[in-house]
Amino acid sequence: MRVLRDVVIQRTDGDELQAVSQVPGISGEEMTLDLMGAGTTLGLKVRVIESRPVMVEGAVRHSLRLALVNVDDDVVPRPAADAGAQAEAL
């Protein structure tokens, strides 16, 4: 199943990312994160380490701690269909 969601991503550690999403994550869930920009897309496999609710500008969002899975094998650059989007979690 493929579900597209816009998320905001920040790098925290060498093998972890922080995402803010409108929906919670499930600990242990693996997904593909497509990072888009500058005319290319990077597909990264990630696993949810932690999901917790946070307030962002008066709205409840979910802060997800993501671990990169097989970092060397899964970074696949592709041409982006829409270079204006920040990121999508699949």
Protein backbone atom coordinates (compact mmCIF):
# COMPACT_ATOMS: atom_id res chain seq x y z
CA MET A 1 0.00 0.00 0.00
CA ARG A 2 1.27 3.47 -0.78
CA VAL A 3 0.12 6.40 1.36
CA LEU A 4 1.58 9.84 0.66
CA ARG A 5 1.94 12.35 3.50
CA ASP A 6 3.80 15.64 3.62
CA VAL A 7 6.27 15.81 6.51
CA VAL A 8 8.97 18.20 7.69
CA ILE A 9 12.35 16.49 8.12
CA GLN A 10 15.43 17.40 10.18
CA ARG A 11 18.64 15.39 10.52
CA THR A 12 19.47 14.70 14.17
CA ASP A 13 22.23 12.07 14.29
CA GLY A 14 24.28 10.29 11.63
CA ASP A 15 21.69 7.53 11.22
CA GLU A 16 18.51 9.22 12.53
CA LEU A 17 16.00 11.76 11.23
CA GLN A 18 13.27 13.74 13.00
CA ALA A 19 9.96 14.13 11.15
CA VAL A 20 6.87 16.17 12.06
CA SER A 21 3.67 14.73 10.62
CA GLN A 22 -0.07 15.19 10.94
CA VAL A 23 -0.46 11.48 11.75
CA PRO A 24 1.29 9.32 14.36
CA GLY A 25 3.81 6.64 13.52
CA ILE A 26 3.89 3.09 14.86
CA SER A 27 7.11 2.03 16.60
CA GLY A 28 8.94 -0.55 14.49
CA GLU A 29 7.06 0.36 11.29
CA GLU A 30 9.31 0.53 8.21
CA MET A 31 8.57 2.85 5.32
CA THR A 32 10.19 4.66 2.42
CA LEU A 33 10.80 8.38 2.81
CA ASP A 34 11.08 10.28 -0.48
CA LEU A 35 13.07 13.50 -0.06
CA MET A 36 12.47 15.87 -2.96
CA GLY A 37 14.38 18.95 -4.05
CA ALA A 38 16.63 20.44 -6.72
CA GLY A 39 14.99 18.30 -9.40
CA THR A 40 15.80 14.93 -7.79
CA THR A 41 14.23 12.56 -5.29
CA LEU A 42 16.08 10.42 -2.74
CA GLY A 43 14.31 7.30 -1.53
CA LEU A 44 15.36 6.37 2.02
CA LYS A 45 14.20 3.32 4.00
CA VAL A 46 13.43 4.31 7.59
CA ARG A 47 12.06 2.65 10.74
CA VAL A 48 9.97 4.49 13.34
CA ILE A 49 11.82 4.50 16.68
CA GLU A 50 9.44 6.79 18.56
CA SER A 51 6.25 8.76 17.90
CA ARG A 52 4.89 11.39 20.29
CA PRO A 53 2.34 14.20 20.01
CA VAL A 54 3.61 17.80 19.95
CA MET A 55 1.94 21.20 19.58
CA VAL A 56 2.91 23.18 16.47
CA GLU A 57 1.29 26.61 16.08
CA GLY A 58 -1.70 25.56 18.17
CA ALA A 59 -2.29 22.27 16.34
CA VAL A 60 -1.45 18.72 17.44
CA ARG A 61 1.23 17.14 15.26
CA HIS A 62 3.37 14.05 15.75
CA SER A 63 7.12 14.05 16.18
CA LEU A 64 8.63 10.87 14.73
CA ARG A 65 12.17 9.66 15.45
CA LEU A 66 13.27 7.69 12.40
CA ALA A 67 16.26 5.37 12.02
CA LEU A 68 17.81 5.00 8.59
CA VAL A 69 17.76 1.36 7.45
CA ASN A 70 20.57 0.04 5.19
CA VAL A 71 21.83 3.56 4.52
CA ASP A 72 24.42 2.60 1.88
CA ASP A 73 22.07 0.34 -0.11
CA ASP A 74 18.88 2.41 -0.12
CA VAL A 75 19.86 5.92 -1.20
CA VAL A 76 18.50 6.02 -4.74
CA PRO A 77 18.44 9.38 -6.54
CA ARG A 78 15.60 9.78 -9.06
CA PRO A 79 14.31 12.73 -11.08
CA ALA A 80 11.60 14.53 -9.10
CA ALA A 81 8.15 15.02 -10.54
CA ASP A 82 7.58 18.07 -8.33
CA ALA A 83 10.74 19.78 -7.06
CA GLY A 84 8.69 22.11 -4.80
CA ALA A 85 7.65 19.46 -2.25
CA GLN A 86 9.79 18.96 0.86
CA ALA A 87 9.27 15.30 1.71
CA GLU A 88 6.75 12.52 1.59
CA ALA A 89 6.54 9.49 3.83
CA LEU A 90 5.32 6.37 2.09
